[in-house]
């Protein structure tokens, strides 16, 4: 089967973002003032006279990210934090690169559905429903897969060559909670006895796992 054309990919993306998860905007644009101390659901708008094309521009997804880390995968975001013009638009992208054997570990996006388009390589992906059913699929270059909002999901490169995807989100800032880092690397920490009971293991095992998620010094 032939890979989707760039035109089809763009049409799919624009159809996807038409059902935005973020509130509808009330003006032409609201470029985020990331330096503002005002706390709102989103970011306050900076002065319209200071808006430039650079507020809507990024080259951050052009090149593969470095995957020489613990999991062999790197997520590079193109969201409101790097493209302030996305404020109130309800959309964002990420590029995810995977070394051979690399894993984007189980995580959730509390504010967005995610759709990935495979740029290179192959991936095994899946998500878990609230009924504890695993929905999984093997993907190749040109394939598309959707992860429903808020559900735990993962991607694993079981191939012998690097892989990469572009991920689209219907939120300007989807948020990410990685299960391992959230539960075993929080500050202040989740009590050992709670995690030991939850995972049916010993407090000593929990302590050992926590050392894997402590910040690198």
N, C-alpha and C. Protein backbone atom coordinates (compact mmCIF):
# COMPACT_ATOMS: atom_id res chain seq x y z
N UNK A 1 0.84 -1.19 0.00
CA UNK A 1 0.00 0.00 0.00
C UNK A 1 0.88 1.24 0.00
N UNK A 2 0.55 2.22 -0.86
CA UNK A 2 1.35 3.43 -0.97
C UNK A 2 1.19 4.29 0.27
N UNK A 3 2.26 5.02 0.63
CA UNK A 3 2.21 5.94 1.77
C UNK A 3 1.30 7.11 1.43
N UNK A 4 0.62 7.72 2.45
CA UNK A 4 -0.23 8.88 2.20
C UNK A 4 0.58 10.03 1.60
N UNK A 5 -0.04 10.77 0.70
CA UNK A 5 0.62 11.93 0.11
C UNK A 5 0.64 13.07 1.12
N UNK A 6 1.57 14.04 0.97
CA UNK A 6 1.58 15.20 1.87
C UNK A 6 0.23 15.92 1.92
N UNK A 7 -0.48 15.99 0.77
CA UNK A 7 -1.79 16.65 0.74
C UNK A 7 -2.79 15.92 1.62
N UNK A 8 -2.81 14.57 1.51
CA UNK A 8 -3.72 13.78 2.33
C UNK A 8 -3.38 13.93 3.81
N UNK A 9 -2.08 13.95 4.12
CA UNK A 9 -1.67 14.11 5.51
C UNK A 9 -2.14 15.44 6.07
N UNK A 10 -1.99 16.52 5.29
CA UNK A 10 -2.43 17.84 5.74
C UNK A 10 -3.94 17.89 5.93
N UNK A 11 -4.69 17.30 4.97
CA UNK A 11 -6.14 17.29 5.10
C UNK A 11 -6.58 16.53 6.34
N UNK A 12 -5.90 15.40 6.61
CA UNK A 12 -6.21 14.62 7.81
C UNK A 12 -5.94 15.42 9.07
N UNK A 13 -4.81 16.15 9.07
CA UNK A 13 -4.45 16.95 10.24
C UNK A 13 -5.47 18.05 10.48
N UNK A 14 -5.88 18.76 9.41
CA UNK A 14 -6.82 19.86 9.59
C UNK A 14 -8.20 19.35 9.99
N UNK A 15 -8.59 18.15 9.52
CA UNK A 15 -9.83 17.56 9.99
C UNK A 15 -9.74 17.24 11.47
N UNK A 16 -8.58 16.73 11.87
CA UNK A 16 -8.36 16.37 13.27
C UNK A 16 -8.45 17.59 14.18
N UNK A 17 -7.82 18.71 13.80
CA UNK A 17 -7.79 19.88 14.66
C UNK A 17 -9.10 20.64 14.66
N UNK A 18 -10.00 20.32 13.72
CA UNK A 18 -11.28 21.01 13.70
C UNK A 18 -12.12 20.68 14.92
N UNK A 19 -11.81 19.56 15.59
CA UNK A 19 -12.49 19.18 16.82
C UNK A 19 -11.58 19.48 18.00
N UNK A 20 -11.25 20.74 18.18
CA UNK A 20 -10.27 21.15 19.18
C UNK A 20 -10.75 20.85 20.59
N UNK A 21 -9.83 20.41 21.44
CA UNK A 21 -10.17 20.14 22.83
C UNK A 21 -10.10 21.39 23.68
N UNK A 22 -9.33 22.38 23.28
CA UNK A 22 -9.21 23.61 24.03
C UNK A 22 -10.39 24.53 23.73
N UNK A 23 -10.69 25.50 24.63
CA UNK A 23 -11.81 26.42 24.38
C UNK A 23 -11.61 27.20 23.08
N UNK A 24 -12.74 27.52 22.43
CA UNK A 24 -12.67 28.29 21.19
C UNK A 24 -12.11 29.68 21.45
N UNK A 25 -11.32 30.18 20.50
CA UNK A 25 -10.73 31.50 20.61
C UNK A 25 -11.78 32.57 20.31
N UNK A 26 -11.58 33.76 20.87
CA UNK A 26 -12.53 34.87 20.74
C UNK A 26 -11.96 36.04 19.97
N UNK A 27 -10.76 35.87 19.39
CA UNK A 27 -10.17 36.92 18.59
C UNK A 27 -9.29 36.28 17.52
N UNK A 28 -8.76 37.10 16.61
CA UNK A 28 -7.95 36.54 15.53
C UNK A 28 -6.76 35.77 16.07
N UNK A 29 -6.09 36.33 17.05
CA UNK A 29 -4.92 35.68 17.62
C UNK A 29 -4.70 36.18 19.04
N UNK A 30 -3.97 35.37 19.80
CA UNK A 30 -3.63 35.72 21.18
C UNK A 30 -2.27 35.10 21.45
N UNK A 31 -1.22 35.74 20.95
CA UNK A 31 0.13 35.21 21.12
C UNK A 31 0.48 35.21 22.60
N UNK A 32 0.95 34.09 23.11
CA UNK A 32 1.18 33.93 24.54
C UNK A 32 2.28 34.84 25.04
N UNK A 33 2.00 35.53 26.13
CA UNK A 33 3.02 36.28 26.86
C UNK A 33 3.56 35.34 27.93
N UNK A 34 4.60 34.58 27.58
CA UNK A 34 5.13 33.55 28.47
C UNK A 34 5.80 34.13 29.71
N UNK A 35 6.12 35.42 29.68
CA UNK A 35 6.79 36.04 30.82
C UNK A 35 5.81 36.64 31.81
N UNK A 36 4.52 36.63 31.51
CA UNK A 36 3.52 37.25 32.38
C UNK A 36 3.34 36.46 33.66
N UNK A 37 3.15 37.17 34.76
CA UNK A 37 2.87 36.53 36.03
C UNK A 37 1.39 36.27 36.24
N UNK A 38 0.56 36.69 35.31
CA UNK A 38 -0.88 36.48 35.42
C UNK A 38 -1.20 35.01 35.20
N UNK A 39 -2.04 34.44 36.05
CA UNK A 39 -2.40 33.03 35.96
C UNK A 39 -3.80 32.91 35.39
N UNK A 40 -3.91 32.32 34.20
CA UNK A 40 -5.20 32.08 33.55
C UNK A 40 -5.20 30.67 33.00
N UNK A 41 -6.33 30.24 32.45
CA UNK A 41 -6.41 28.92 31.82
C UNK A 41 -5.85 29.02 30.41
N UNK A 42 -4.53 28.97 30.32
CA UNK A 42 -3.81 29.27 29.10
C UNK A 42 -2.79 30.35 29.42
N UNK A 43 -2.55 31.26 28.49
CA UNK A 43 -1.62 32.36 28.72
C UNK A 43 -2.27 33.66 28.28
N UNK A 44 -1.97 34.76 28.98
CA UNK A 44 -2.48 36.06 28.53
C UNK A 44 -1.86 36.44 27.19
N UNK A 45 -2.54 37.32 26.47
CA UNK A 45 -2.05 37.75 25.16
C UNK A 45 -1.02 38.85 25.32
N UNK A 46 0.03 38.79 24.53
CA UNK A 46 0.96 39.91 24.52
C UNK A 46 0.41 41.01 23.61
N UNK A 47 0.99 42.20 23.73
CA UNK A 47 0.51 43.34 22.95
C UNK A 47 0.54 43.02 21.46
N UNK A 48 -0.58 43.27 20.77
CA UNK A 48 -0.69 42.91 19.36
C UNK A 48 0.35 43.61 18.50
N UNK A 49 0.78 44.80 18.91
CA UNK A 49 1.76 45.55 18.12
C UNK A 49 3.12 44.87 18.12
N UNK A 50 3.38 44.01 19.10
CA UNK A 50 4.68 43.34 19.19
C UNK A 50 4.69 41.96 18.54
N UNK A 51 3.55 41.53 17.99
CA UNK A 51 3.45 40.22 17.35
C UNK A 51 4.20 40.21 16.03
N UNK A 52 4.99 39.15 15.79
CA UNK A 52 5.69 38.98 14.52
C UNK A 52 5.46 37.56 14.01
N UNK A 53 5.93 37.31 12.80
CA UNK A 53 5.79 35.97 12.21
C UNK A 53 6.53 34.92 13.01
N UNK A 54 7.58 35.33 13.74
CA UNK A 54 8.36 34.37 14.53
C UNK A 54 7.54 33.77 15.67
N UNK A 55 6.46 34.45 16.07
CA UNK A 55 5.59 33.91 17.11
C UNK A 55 4.82 32.68 16.62
N UNK A 56 4.78 32.47 15.31
CA UNK A 56 4.03 31.37 14.73
C UNK A 56 4.94 30.38 14.00
N UNK A 57 6.24 30.45 14.26
CA UNK A 57 7.23 29.73 13.45
C UNK A 57 8.15 28.91 14.34
N UNK A 58 8.55 27.74 13.82
CA UNK A 58 9.55 26.92 14.51
C UNK A 58 10.23 26.00 13.51
N UNK A 59 11.51 25.77 13.71
CA UNK A 59 12.25 24.77 12.94
C UNK A 59 12.64 23.58 13.82
N UNK A 60 12.02 23.50 14.99
CA UNK A 60 12.44 22.54 16.00
C UNK A 60 12.20 21.08 15.66
N UNK A 61 11.33 20.80 14.69
CA UNK A 61 11.04 19.41 14.35
C UNK A 61 11.76 18.93 13.10
N UNK A 62 12.63 19.79 12.56
CA UNK A 62 13.26 19.47 11.27
C UNK A 62 14.27 18.33 11.37
N UNK A 63 14.96 18.23 12.49
CA UNK A 63 16.04 17.26 12.60
C UNK A 63 15.76 16.24 13.70
N UNK A 64 16.29 15.02 13.55
CA UNK A 64 16.11 14.00 14.59
C UNK A 64 16.68 14.45 15.93
N UNK A 65 16.00 14.06 17.01
CA UNK A 65 16.50 14.35 18.34
C UNK A 65 17.49 13.30 18.79
N UNK A 66 18.30 13.64 19.79
CA UNK A 66 19.29 12.71 20.33
C UNK A 66 18.60 11.67 21.20
N UNK A 67 18.85 10.41 20.93
CA UNK A 67 18.17 9.33 21.65
C UNK A 67 19.10 8.55 22.57
N UNK A 68 20.25 9.15 22.90
CA UNK A 68 21.22 8.46 23.78
C UNK A 68 20.86 8.71 25.24
N UNK A 69 19.67 8.25 25.64
CA UNK A 69 19.21 8.40 27.02
C UNK A 69 18.70 7.06 27.54
N UNK A 70 18.14 7.06 28.74
CA UNK A 70 17.75 5.82 29.40
C UNK A 70 16.80 4.98 28.56
N UNK A 71 15.83 5.63 27.92
CA UNK A 71 14.80 4.89 27.19
C UNK A 71 15.07 4.80 25.69
N UNK A 72 16.07 5.51 25.19
CA UNK A 72 16.37 5.46 23.77
C UNK A 72 15.33 6.13 22.91
N UNK A 73 14.68 7.17 23.45
CA UNK A 73 13.67 7.92 22.70
C UNK A 73 13.67 9.36 23.18
N UNK A 74 13.31 10.27 22.28
CA UNK A 74 13.25 11.68 22.63
C UNK A 74 12.04 12.34 21.98
N UNK A 75 11.28 13.08 22.81
CA UNK A 75 10.13 13.84 22.33
C UNK A 75 10.53 15.31 22.20
N UNK A 76 10.34 15.89 21.02
CA UNK A 76 10.61 17.30 20.78
C UNK A 76 9.27 17.99 20.51
N UNK A 77 8.88 18.90 21.39
CA UNK A 77 7.56 19.50 21.28
C UNK A 77 7.54 20.76 20.44
N UNK A 78 6.42 20.95 19.74
CA UNK A 78 6.12 22.22 19.06
C UNK A 78 4.75 22.65 19.58
N UNK A 79 4.76 23.16 20.81
CA UNK A 79 3.52 23.57 21.46
C UNK A 79 3.60 25.05 21.83
N UNK A 80 2.69 25.51 22.66
CA UNK A 80 2.64 26.94 22.96
C UNK A 80 3.91 27.44 23.65
N UNK A 81 4.66 26.54 24.27
CA UNK A 81 5.89 26.95 24.94
C UNK A 81 7.00 27.28 23.96
N UNK A 82 6.93 26.72 22.76
CA UNK A 82 7.95 26.99 21.73
C UNK A 82 7.39 27.80 20.57
N UNK A 83 6.06 27.78 20.40
CA UNK A 83 5.39 28.57 19.36
C UNK A 83 4.28 29.36 20.05
N UNK A 84 4.58 30.53 20.61
CA UNK A 84 3.59 31.27 21.40
C UNK A 84 2.30 31.57 20.65
N UNK A 85 2.36 31.65 19.31
CA UNK A 85 1.17 31.93 18.53
C UNK A 85 0.12 30.83 18.59
N UNK A 86 0.46 29.65 19.11
CA UNK A 86 -0.52 28.58 19.26
C UNK A 86 -1.48 28.83 20.41
N UNK A 87 -1.20 29.81 21.24
CA UNK A 87 -2.08 30.12 22.37
C UNK A 87 -3.51 30.33 21.88
N UNK A 88 -4.45 29.61 22.47
CA UNK A 88 -5.90 29.61 22.18
C UNK A 88 -6.27 28.88 20.90
N UNK A 89 -5.31 28.34 20.14
CA UNK A 89 -5.64 27.69 18.87
C UNK A 89 -5.99 26.21 19.04
N UNK A 90 -5.63 25.61 20.17
CA UNK A 90 -6.05 24.24 20.44
C UNK A 90 -5.35 23.17 19.65
N UNK A 91 -4.13 23.44 19.18
CA UNK A 91 -3.38 22.44 18.42
C UNK A 91 -1.90 22.49 18.79
N UNK A 92 -1.20 21.40 18.58
CA UNK A 92 0.25 21.36 18.73
C UNK A 92 0.77 20.09 18.07
N UNK A 93 2.09 20.04 17.90
CA UNK A 93 2.76 18.88 17.31
C UNK A 93 3.94 18.47 18.18
N UNK A 94 4.39 17.27 17.99
CA UNK A 94 5.67 16.81 18.54
C UNK A 94 6.34 15.91 17.51
N UNK A 95 7.64 15.85 17.60
CA UNK A 95 8.41 14.84 16.86
C UNK A 95 8.97 13.88 17.91
N UNK A 96 8.85 12.58 17.65
CA UNK A 96 9.40 11.59 18.57
C UNK A 96 10.37 10.72 17.78
N UNK A 97 11.59 10.64 18.28
CA UNK A 97 12.63 9.82 17.65
C UNK A 97 12.98 8.65 18.57
N UNK A 98 13.23 7.50 17.96
CA UNK A 98 13.49 6.26 18.69
C UNK A 98 14.75 5.60 18.15
N UNK A 99 15.69 5.28 19.02
CA UNK A 99 16.82 4.44 18.64
C UNK A 99 16.32 3.02 18.45
N UNK A 100 17.09 2.15 17.80
CA UNK A 100 16.71 0.73 17.76
C UNK A 100 16.50 0.22 19.19
N UNK A 101 15.36 -0.36 19.45
CA UNK A 101 15.04 -0.81 20.80
C UNK A 101 14.49 0.28 21.70
N UNK A 102 14.38 1.52 21.19
CA UNK A 102 13.93 2.65 22.00
C UNK A 102 12.46 2.56 22.38
N UNK A 103 12.14 3.13 23.52
CA UNK A 103 10.78 3.07 24.08
C UNK A 103 10.32 4.46 24.52
N UNK A 104 9.13 4.86 24.09
CA UNK A 104 8.43 5.98 24.71
C UNK A 104 7.53 5.33 25.75
N UNK A 105 7.93 5.35 27.04
CA UNK A 105 7.29 4.50 28.04
C UNK A 105 5.84 4.86 28.30
N UNK A 106 5.09 3.95 28.93
CA UNK A 106 3.67 4.20 29.19
C UNK A 106 3.43 5.56 29.84
N UNK A 107 2.51 6.33 29.24
CA UNK A 107 2.23 7.68 29.70
C UNK A 107 0.84 8.08 29.26
N UNK A 108 0.38 9.23 29.73
CA UNK A 108 -0.91 9.77 29.32
C UNK A 108 -0.76 11.24 28.95
N UNK A 109 -1.71 11.74 28.15
CA UNK A 109 -1.85 13.16 27.87
C UNK A 109 -3.23 13.57 28.40
N UNK A 110 -3.27 14.22 29.56
CA UNK A 110 -4.56 14.50 30.20
C UNK A 110 -5.44 15.48 29.44
N UNK A 111 -4.85 16.26 28.50
CA UNK A 111 -5.65 17.29 27.86
C UNK A 111 -5.82 17.09 26.35
N UNK A 112 -5.42 15.94 25.82
CA UNK A 112 -5.48 15.82 24.35
C UNK A 112 -5.52 14.38 23.86
N UNK A 113 -6.20 14.20 22.74
CA UNK A 113 -6.05 13.01 21.91
C UNK A 113 -4.79 13.19 21.07
N UNK A 114 -4.11 12.09 20.77
CA UNK A 114 -2.87 12.13 19.98
C UNK A 114 -3.03 11.27 18.73
N UNK A 115 -2.54 11.77 17.62
CA UNK A 115 -2.47 10.99 16.38
C UNK A 115 -1.03 11.02 15.89
N UNK A 116 -0.45 9.85 15.64
CA UNK A 116 0.93 9.79 15.16
C UNK A 116 0.97 9.36 13.70
N UNK A 117 1.93 9.95 12.96
CA UNK A 117 2.21 9.59 11.57
C UNK A 117 3.65 9.15 11.51
N UNK A 118 3.90 7.92 11.05
CA UNK A 118 5.25 7.35 11.07
C UNK A 118 6.06 7.91 9.90
N UNK A 119 7.13 8.62 10.25
CA UNK A 119 8.03 9.17 9.23
C UNK A 119 9.01 8.14 8.72
N UNK A 120 9.60 7.38 9.64
CA UNK A 120 10.63 6.39 9.29
C UNK A 120 10.55 5.21 10.26
N UNK A 121 10.93 4.04 9.78
CA UNK A 121 11.07 2.88 10.65
C UNK A 121 9.75 2.19 10.94
N UNK A 122 9.80 1.34 11.96
CA UNK A 122 8.62 0.58 12.39
C UNK A 122 8.47 0.71 13.90
N UNK A 123 7.22 0.61 14.36
CA UNK A 123 6.93 0.74 15.79
C UNK A 123 5.84 -0.24 16.18
N UNK A 124 5.90 -0.71 17.42
CA UNK A 124 4.80 -1.41 18.05
C UNK A 124 4.18 -0.44 19.06
N UNK A 125 2.89 -0.16 18.91
CA UNK A 125 2.24 0.84 19.74
C UNK A 125 0.98 0.25 20.37
N UNK A 126 0.48 0.91 21.41
CA UNK A 126 -0.75 0.45 22.02
C UNK A 126 -1.26 1.39 23.08
N UNK A 127 -2.55 1.24 23.41
CA UNK A 127 -3.12 1.99 24.53
C UNK A 127 -4.03 1.05 25.31
N UNK A 128 -4.32 1.44 26.56
CA UNK A 128 -5.13 0.63 27.47
C UNK A 128 -6.44 1.35 27.76
N UNK A 129 -7.55 0.63 27.62
CA UNK A 129 -8.84 1.20 27.95
C UNK A 129 -9.06 1.13 29.46
N UNK A 130 -10.13 1.79 29.92
CA UNK A 130 -10.44 1.75 31.35
C UNK A 130 -10.96 0.38 31.77
N UNK A 131 -11.23 -0.50 30.80
CA UNK A 131 -11.59 -1.89 31.11
C UNK A 131 -10.36 -2.80 31.09
N UNK A 132 -9.15 -2.17 31.06
CA UNK A 132 -7.88 -2.90 31.05
C UNK A 132 -7.70 -3.76 29.79
N UNK A 133 -8.26 -3.31 28.68
CA UNK A 133 -8.04 -3.99 27.41
C UNK A 133 -6.93 -3.28 26.65
N UNK A 134 -5.97 -4.05 26.15
CA UNK A 134 -4.88 -3.50 25.36
C UNK A 134 -5.27 -3.47 23.89
N UNK A 135 -5.22 -2.28 23.28
CA UNK A 135 -5.43 -2.11 21.85
C UNK A 135 -4.07 -1.81 21.25
N UNK A 136 -3.52 -2.73 20.44
CA UNK A 136 -2.15 -2.58 19.96
C UNK A 136 -2.07 -2.79 18.46
N UNK A 137 -0.98 -2.28 17.87
CA UNK A 137 -0.81 -2.35 16.42
C UNK A 137 0.67 -2.21 16.09
N UNK A 138 1.12 -2.90 15.05
CA UNK A 138 2.46 -2.69 14.51
C UNK A 138 2.36 -1.69 13.36
N UNK A 139 3.22 -0.67 13.37
CA UNK A 139 3.18 0.40 12.38
C UNK A 139 4.44 0.42 11.54
N UNK A 140 4.28 0.88 10.30
CA UNK A 140 5.42 1.08 9.41
C UNK A 140 5.33 2.48 8.83
N UNK A 141 6.34 2.86 8.05
CA UNK A 141 6.40 4.18 7.44
C UNK A 141 5.11 4.51 6.70
N UNK A 142 4.55 5.69 6.99
CA UNK A 142 3.32 6.13 6.35
C UNK A 142 2.05 5.79 7.10
N UNK A 143 2.14 4.92 8.14
CA UNK A 143 0.96 4.55 8.90
C UNK A 143 0.57 5.64 9.90
N UNK A 144 -0.71 5.62 10.27
CA UNK A 144 -1.26 6.57 11.24
C UNK A 144 -1.95 5.78 12.34
N UNK A 145 -1.82 6.26 13.59
CA UNK A 145 -2.49 5.59 14.72
C UNK A 145 -2.93 6.66 15.71
N UNK A 146 -4.11 6.43 16.33
CA UNK A 146 -4.67 7.40 17.28
C UNK A 146 -4.66 6.83 18.69
N UNK A 147 -4.35 7.70 19.65
CA UNK A 147 -4.39 7.38 21.08
C UNK A 147 -5.45 8.27 21.73
N UNK A 148 -6.53 7.71 22.25
CA UNK A 148 -7.60 8.53 22.83
C UNK A 148 -7.12 9.35 24.04
N UNK A 149 -7.74 10.48 24.20
CA UNK A 149 -7.40 11.42 25.28
C UNK A 149 -7.39 10.74 26.64
N UNK A 150 -6.30 10.95 27.39
CA UNK A 150 -6.23 10.53 28.77
C UNK A 150 -5.88 9.07 29.00
N UNK A 151 -5.86 8.23 27.96
CA UNK A 151 -5.59 6.81 28.17
C UNK A 151 -4.08 6.53 28.14
N UNK A 152 -3.67 5.56 28.94
CA UNK A 152 -2.26 5.15 28.99
C UNK A 152 -1.87 4.54 27.65
N UNK A 153 -0.71 4.97 27.11
CA UNK A 153 -0.26 4.44 25.82
C UNK A 153 1.26 4.43 25.75
N UNK A 154 1.80 3.80 24.72
CA UNK A 154 3.25 3.64 24.58
C UNK A 154 3.59 3.44 23.12
N UNK A 155 4.89 3.60 22.79
CA UNK A 155 5.44 3.26 21.47
C UNK A 155 6.81 2.61 21.68
N UNK A 156 7.07 1.53 20.94
CA UNK A 156 8.33 0.79 21.09
C UNK A 156 8.90 0.48 19.71
N UNK A 157 10.18 0.83 19.53
CA UNK A 157 10.87 0.50 18.29
C UNK A 157 11.56 -0.85 18.48
N UNK A 158 10.94 -1.90 17.94
CA UNK A 158 11.54 -3.23 18.00
C UNK A 158 12.39 -3.53 16.77
N UNK A 159 12.57 -2.53 15.89
CA UNK A 159 13.37 -2.72 14.70
C UNK A 159 14.84 -2.53 14.93
N UNK A 160 15.63 -2.73 13.89
CA UNK A 160 17.08 -2.63 13.98
C UNK A 160 17.61 -1.29 13.47
N UNK A 161 16.69 -0.41 13.05
CA UNK A 161 17.08 0.92 12.57
C UNK A 161 16.26 1.96 13.32
N UNK A 162 16.72 3.22 13.35
CA UNK A 162 15.97 4.28 14.04
C UNK A 162 14.58 4.46 13.44
N UNK A 163 13.68 4.99 14.25
CA UNK A 163 12.32 5.30 13.81
C UNK A 163 11.95 6.69 14.28
N UNK A 164 10.95 7.29 13.65
CA UNK A 164 10.49 8.62 14.05
C UNK A 164 9.03 8.81 13.64
N UNK A 165 8.32 9.65 14.39
CA UNK A 165 6.93 9.98 14.08
C UNK A 165 6.72 11.48 14.27
N UNK A 166 5.68 11.99 13.62
CA UNK A 166 5.13 13.29 13.96
C UNK A 166 3.82 13.04 14.67
N UNK A 167 3.65 13.64 15.83
CA UNK A 167 2.44 13.47 16.62
C UNK A 167 1.65 14.77 16.64
N UNK A 168 0.35 14.69 16.40
CA UNK A 168 -0.54 15.85 16.43
C UNK A 168 -1.47 15.75 17.64
N UNK A 169 -1.73 16.88 18.28
CA UNK A 169 -2.57 16.94 19.47
C UNK A 169 -3.63 18.03 19.31
N UNK A 170 -4.82 17.78 19.85
CA UNK A 170 -5.85 18.81 19.81
C UNK A 170 -5.85 19.63 21.11
N UNK A 171 -4.65 20.08 21.46
CA UNK A 171 -4.46 20.99 22.59
C UNK A 171 -3.17 21.75 22.36
N UNK A 172 -3.13 23.02 22.79
CA UNK A 172 -1.90 23.80 22.64
C UNK A 172 -0.82 23.32 23.60
N UNK A 173 -1.21 22.60 24.66
CA UNK A 173 -0.25 22.09 25.65
C UNK A 173 -0.85 20.81 26.25
N UNK A 174 -0.63 19.66 25.60
CA UNK A 174 -1.33 18.43 25.98
C UNK A 174 -1.02 17.94 27.39
N UNK A 175 0.19 18.23 27.88
CA UNK A 175 0.62 17.67 29.16
C UNK A 175 0.98 16.21 29.00
N UNK A 176 1.98 15.76 29.77
CA UNK A 176 2.40 14.36 29.72
C UNK A 176 2.67 13.87 31.14
N UNK A 177 2.08 12.74 31.49
CA UNK A 177 2.39 12.07 32.74
C UNK A 177 2.94 10.69 32.43
N UNK A 178 4.25 10.52 32.60
CA UNK A 178 4.88 9.22 32.42
C UNK A 178 4.68 8.42 33.71
N UNK A 179 4.12 7.23 33.59
CA UNK A 179 3.70 6.50 34.79
C UNK A 179 4.85 6.23 35.74
N UNK A 180 5.97 5.76 35.21
CA UNK A 180 7.10 5.46 36.08
C UNK A 180 7.62 6.68 36.80
N UNK A 181 7.88 7.75 36.05
CA UNK A 181 8.43 8.97 36.64
C UNK A 181 7.44 9.62 37.59
N UNK A 182 6.13 9.56 37.25
CA UNK A 182 5.11 10.17 38.10
C UNK A 182 5.01 9.45 39.44
N UNK A 183 5.00 8.13 39.41
CA UNK A 183 4.78 7.38 40.64
C UNK A 183 6.05 7.20 41.47
N UNK A 184 7.20 7.06 40.79
CA UNK A 184 8.43 6.75 41.52
C UNK A 184 9.42 7.91 41.57
N UNK A 185 9.10 9.01 40.92
CA UNK A 185 10.03 10.14 40.92
C UNK A 185 9.41 11.45 41.31
N UNK A 186 8.25 11.41 41.98
CA UNK A 186 7.55 12.65 42.34
C UNK A 186 8.25 13.38 43.48
N UNK A 187 7.93 14.67 43.61
CA UNK A 187 8.44 15.49 44.71
C UNK A 187 7.28 16.24 45.36
N UNK A 188 7.01 16.04 46.66
CA UNK A 188 7.62 15.01 47.52
C UNK A 188 7.22 13.61 47.06
N UNK A 189 7.96 12.60 47.50
CA UNK A 189 7.72 11.24 47.00
C UNK A 189 6.42 10.63 47.50
N UNK A 190 5.84 9.76 46.68
CA UNK A 190 4.72 8.95 47.14
C UNK A 190 5.26 7.97 48.19
N UNK A 191 4.61 7.83 49.34
CA UNK A 191 5.13 6.94 50.39
C UNK A 191 5.37 5.51 49.89
N UNK A 192 6.48 4.93 50.33
CA UNK A 192 6.87 3.59 49.88
C UNK A 192 5.78 2.55 50.16
N UNK A 193 5.13 2.66 51.34
CA UNK A 193 4.14 1.62 51.69
C UNK A 193 2.92 1.67 50.78
N UNK A 194 2.58 2.86 50.27
CA UNK A 194 1.46 2.97 49.34
C UNK A 194 1.80 2.30 48.01
N UNK A 195 2.99 2.59 47.48
CA UNK A 195 3.40 1.98 46.23
C UNK A 195 3.60 0.47 46.38
N UNK A 196 4.15 0.05 47.52
CA UNK A 196 4.36 -1.38 47.75
C UNK A 196 3.04 -2.13 47.75
N UNK A 197 2.02 -1.55 48.41
CA UNK A 197 0.71 -2.21 48.44
C UNK A 197 0.05 -2.18 47.07
N UNK A 198 0.17 -1.05 46.36
CA UNK A 198 -0.46 -0.91 45.05
C UNK A 198 0.11 -1.89 44.04
N UNK A 199 1.44 -2.09 44.10
CA UNK A 199 2.09 -2.98 43.13
C UNK A 199 2.35 -4.38 43.69
N UNK A 200 1.83 -4.65 44.90
CA UNK A 200 1.95 -5.98 45.51
C UNK A 200 3.41 -6.42 45.56
N UNK A 201 4.24 -5.52 46.10
CA UNK A 201 5.66 -5.82 46.24
C UNK A 201 6.14 -5.30 47.59
N UNK A 202 7.44 -5.34 47.82
CA UNK A 202 7.98 -4.94 49.12
C UNK A 202 8.43 -3.48 49.09
N UNK A 203 8.44 -2.81 50.26
CA UNK A 203 8.97 -1.45 50.33
C UNK A 203 10.42 -1.36 49.85
N UNK A 204 11.19 -2.42 50.07
CA UNK A 204 12.58 -2.43 49.61
C UNK A 204 12.67 -2.38 48.10
N UNK A 205 11.79 -3.09 47.42
CA UNK A 205 11.77 -3.06 45.96
C UNK A 205 11.38 -1.68 45.47
N UNK A 206 10.40 -1.06 46.15
CA UNK A 206 9.97 0.29 45.78
C UNK A 206 11.14 1.27 45.93
N UNK A 207 11.88 1.16 47.02
CA UNK A 207 13.04 2.04 47.22
C UNK A 207 14.05 1.89 46.09
N UNK A 208 14.27 0.65 45.67
CA UNK A 208 15.23 0.40 44.59
C UNK A 208 14.74 1.02 43.28
N UNK A 209 13.45 0.85 42.98
CA UNK A 209 12.90 1.43 41.75
C UNK A 209 13.01 2.95 41.79
N UNK A 210 12.76 3.54 42.94
CA UNK A 210 12.82 5.01 43.06
C UNK A 210 14.22 5.55 42.72
N UNK A 211 15.26 4.78 43.02
CA UNK A 211 16.61 5.26 42.70
C UNK A 211 16.81 5.40 41.20
N UNK A 212 16.04 4.67 40.39
CA UNK A 212 16.15 4.74 38.93
C UNK A 212 15.54 6.04 38.37
N UNK A 213 14.66 6.65 39.18
CA UNK A 213 13.96 7.84 38.70
C UNK A 213 14.40 9.12 39.40
N UNK A 214 15.44 9.03 40.22
CA UNK A 214 15.96 10.24 40.87
C UNK A 214 16.67 11.11 39.83
N UNK A 215 16.58 12.44 39.97
CA UNK A 215 17.24 13.34 39.00
C UNK A 215 18.73 13.07 38.93
N UNK A 216 19.25 13.09 37.69
CA UNK A 216 20.69 12.91 37.50
C UNK A 216 21.42 14.13 38.04
N UNK A 217 22.51 13.91 38.81
CA UNK A 217 23.30 15.02 39.38
C UNK A 217 24.48 15.34 38.48
